[in-house]
C-alpha atoms as a PDB file:
ATOM      1  CA  MET A   1     -28.152  30.712  -8.959  1.00  0.00           C
ATOM      2  CA  PRO A   2     -24.879  29.447 -10.552  1.00  0.00           C
ATOM      3  CA  ALA A   3     -23.680  25.998  -9.554  1.00  0.00           C
ATOM      4  CA  ARG A   4     -20.905  25.934  -6.985  1.00  0.00           C
ATOM      5  CA  LEU A   5     -17.664  24.207  -7.807  1.00  0.00           C
ATOM      6  CA  ARG A   6     -16.528  21.650  -5.289  1.00  0.00           C
ATOM      7  CA  VAL A   7     -12.765  21.702  -5.563  1.00  0.00           C
ATOM      8  CA  ASP A   8     -10.281  19.849  -3.401  1.00  0.00           C
ATOM      9  CA  SER A   9      -8.130  22.214  -1.325  1.00  0.00           C
ATOM     10  CA  ARG A  10      -4.961  20.755  -2.879  1.00  0.00           C
ATOM     11  CA  TYR A  11      -5.888  22.219  -6.263  1.00  0.00           C
ATOM     12  CA  LYS A  12      -6.184  25.925  -5.558  1.00  0.00           C
ATOM     13  CA  GLY A  13      -4.396  26.788  -8.789  1.00  0.00           C
ATOM     14  CA  LYS A  14      -6.766  24.696 -10.851  1.00  0.00           C
ATOM     15  CA  ALA A  15      -9.774  26.206  -9.069  1.00  0.00           C
ATOM     16  CA  ILE A  16      -8.697  29.638 -10.270  1.00  0.00           C
ATOM     17  CA  LEU A  17      -8.490  28.312 -13.831  1.00  0.00           C
ATOM     18  CA  TYR A  18     -11.864  26.570 -13.507  1.00  0.00           C
ATOM     19  CA  ARG A  19     -13.528  29.793 -12.407  1.00  0.00           C
ATOM     20  CA  ALA A  20     -11.849  31.858 -15.124  1.00  0.00           C
ATOM     21  CA  VAL A  21     -13.023  29.466 -17.833  1.00  0.00           C
ATOM     22  CA  GLN A  22     -16.478  29.303 -16.268  1.00  0.00           C
ATOM     23  CA  GLU A  23     -16.768  33.102 -16.486  1.00  0.00           C
ATOM     24  CA  LEU A  24     -16.350  32.792 -20.262  1.00  0.00           C
ATOM     25  CA  GLY A  25     -19.773  31.148 -20.417  1.00  0.00           C
ATOM     26  CA  LEU A  26     -19.185  27.447 -19.851  1.00  0.00           C
ATOM     27  CA  THR A  27     -20.925  25.308 -17.253  1.00  0.00           C
ATOM     28  CA  PRO A  28     -18.912  24.140 -14.227  1.00  0.00           C
ATOM     29  CA  ARG A  29     -18.562  20.624 -15.641  1.00  0.00           C
ATOM     30  CA  GLN A  30     -17.487  21.927 -19.028  1.00  0.00           C
ATOM     31  CA  SER A  31     -14.913  24.252 -17.475  1.00  0.00           C
ATOM     32  CA  ILE A  32     -13.428  21.455 -15.360  1.00  0.00           C
ATOM     33  CA  SER A  33     -13.298  19.161 -18.382  1.00  0.00           C
ATOM     34  CA  ALA A  34     -11.678  21.849 -20.555  1.00  0.00           C
ATOM     35  CA  VAL A  35      -8.973  22.752 -18.020  1.00  0.00           C
ATOM     36  CA  ASP A  36      -8.182  19.112 -17.230  1.00  0.00           C
ATOM     37  CA  THR A  37      -7.932  18.288 -20.938  1.00  0.00           C
ATOM     38  CA  VAL A  38      -5.499  21.134 -21.581  1.00  0.00           C
ATOM     39  CA  ILE A  39      -3.310  20.183 -18.599  1.00  0.00           C
ATOM     40  CA  ALA A  40      -3.327  16.531 -19.704  1.00  0.00           C
ATOM     41  CA  GLN A  41      -2.121  17.616 -23.151  1.00  0.00           C
ATOM     42  CA  TRP A  42       0.679  19.642 -21.541  1.00  0.00           C
ATOM     43  CA  ARG A  43       1.758  16.605 -19.539  1.00  0.00           C
ATOM     44  CA  GLU A  44       1.783  14.391 -22.622  1.00  0.00           C
ATOM     45  CA  ALA A  45       3.884  16.936 -24.532  1.00  0.00           C
ATOM     46  CA  LEU A  46       6.357  17.205 -21.656  1.00  0.00           C
ATOM     47  CA  LYS A  47       6.628  13.397 -21.511  1.00  0.00           C
ATOM     48  CA  ARG A  48       7.685  13.523 -25.167  1.00  0.00           C
ATOM     49  CA  HIS A  49      10.248  16.241 -24.234  1.00  0.00           C
ATOM     50  CA  GLU A  50       8.461  18.857 -26.324  1.00  0.00           C
ATOM     51  CA  ASP A  51       8.246  22.521 -25.346  1.00  0.00           C
ATOM     52  CA  VAL A  52       4.926  23.917 -24.128  1.00  0.00           C
ATOM     53  CA  VAL A  53       4.479  27.563 -25.079  1.00  0.00           C
ATOM     54  CA  LEU A  54       2.371  29.598 -22.634  1.00  0.00           C
ATOM     55  CA  PRO A  55       1.627  33.342 -22.550  1.00  0.00           C
ATOM     56  CA  VAL A  56       3.887  33.709 -19.491  1.00  0.00           C
ATOM     57  CA  GLY A  57       6.783  31.643 -20.818  1.00  0.00           C
ATOM     58  CA  VAL A  58       7.862  28.281 -22.140  1.00  0.00           C
ATOM     59  CA  LEU A  59       7.822  25.013 -20.199  1.00  0.00           C
ATOM     60  CA  LYS A  60      10.920  22.993 -21.102  1.00  0.00           C
ATOM     61  CA  VAL A  61      12.185  19.633 -19.937  1.00  0.00           C
ATOM     62  CA  ARG A  62      15.763  19.835 -18.724  1.00  0.00           C
ATOM     63  CA  LYS A  63      18.185  17.143 -17.651  1.00  0.00           C
ATOM     64  CA  GLY A  64      18.370  16.969 -13.877  1.00  0.00           C
ATOM     65  CA  PRO A  65      21.438  16.986 -11.633  1.00  0.00           C
ATOM     66  CA  ALA A  66      24.067  14.266 -11.755  1.00  0.00           C
ATOM     67  CA  PRO A  67      23.636  11.388  -9.316  1.00  0.00           C
ATOM     68  CA  ASN A  68      25.249  11.759  -5.927  1.00  0.00           C
ATOM     69  CA  ARG A  69      27.775   9.159  -4.839  1.00  0.00           C
ATOM     70  CA  VAL A  70      27.204   8.312  -1.214  1.00  0.00           C
ATOM     71  CA  PHE A  71      29.382   6.248   1.097  1.00  0.00           C
ATOM     72  CA  ARG A  72      27.257   4.369   3.613  1.00  0.00           C
ATOM     73  CA  ARG A  73      28.565   1.632   5.795  1.00  0.00           C
ATOM     74  CA  GLY A  74      26.367  -1.313   6.644  1.00  0.00           C
ATOM     75  CA  ARG A  75      23.245   0.000   4.948  1.00  0.00           C
ATOM     76  CA  LEU A  76      22.511  -3.202   3.028  1.00  0.00           C
ATOM     77  CA  LYS A  77      23.052  -6.544   4.664  1.00  0.00           C
ATOM     78  CA  ASN A  78      24.675  -9.375   2.721  1.00  0.00           C
ATOM     79  CA  THR A  79      26.443  -6.959   0.383  1.00  0.00           C
ATOM     80  CA  LYS A  80      29.988  -5.749   0.448  1.00  0.00           C
ATOM     81  CA  ARG A  81      29.206  -2.522  -1.383  1.00  0.00           C
ATOM     82  CA  SER A  82      29.416   0.679   0.562  1.00  0.00           C
ATOM     83  CA  LEU A  83      29.402   3.200  -2.290  1.00  0.00           C
ATOM     84  CA  PHE A  84      25.985   3.873  -3.790  1.00  0.00           C
ATOM     85  CA  ASP A  85      24.670   6.105  -6.570  1.00  0.00           C
ATOM     86  CA  ILE A  86      21.543   7.994  -5.555  1.00  0.00           C
ATOM     87  CA  PHE A  87      19.521   9.246  -8.501  1.00  0.00           C
ATOM     88  CA  ARG A  88      17.258  12.135  -7.699  1.00  0.00           C
ATOM     89  CA  GLN A  89      15.194  13.645 -10.506  1.00  0.00           C
ATOM     90  CA  PRO A  90      16.576  12.573 -13.891  1.00  0.00           C
ATOM     91  CA  TYR A  91      14.550  15.325 -15.605  1.00  0.00           C
ATOM     92  CA  THR A  92      12.996  18.557 -14.377  1.00  0.00           C
ATOM     93  CA  VAL A  93      10.521  20.992 -15.906  1.00  0.00           C
ATOM     94  CA  ARG A  94      11.413  24.684 -15.949  1.00  0.00           C
ATOM     95  CA  LEU A  95       9.447  27.751 -16.895  1.00  0.00           C
ATOM     96  CA  LEU A  96      11.614  29.991 -19.053  1.00  0.00           C
ATOM     97  CA  GLU A  97      10.577  33.533 -19.906  1.00  0.00           C
ATOM     98  CA  PRO A  98      10.073  34.266 -23.566  1.00  0.00           C
ATOM     99  CA  LYS A  99      12.781  36.381 -25.197  1.00  0.00           C
ATOM    100  CA  GLY A 100      10.386  39.099 -26.341  1.00  0.00           C
ATOM    101  CA  LEU A 101       8.903  39.678 -22.877  1.00  0.00           C
ATOM    102  CA  GLU A 102      10.062  42.942 -21.325  1.00  0.00           C
ATOM    103  CA  ASN A 103       9.436  43.840 -17.687  1.00  0.00           C
END
């Protein structure tokens, strides 16, 4: 009987990848290690602002939206400032379709 994977419910996408890699002939521990290693390498590449090429597209780091200027009265005590810059996400990751892909 094959070993069952115990996967946290938050990681349903990873569980699909674990099972797909496991069907290629790896043990459950090896499949989890392989998938986690690949995803860690993607994260490291994105931290360096490099593109990650996937079969479904390209992951690219893009500059996020400009900061919003917000006027708030009395939000901070002991300060006379009432105009604040709120920075949201300075960078975002987008999946762009490859140019040669035709639907």
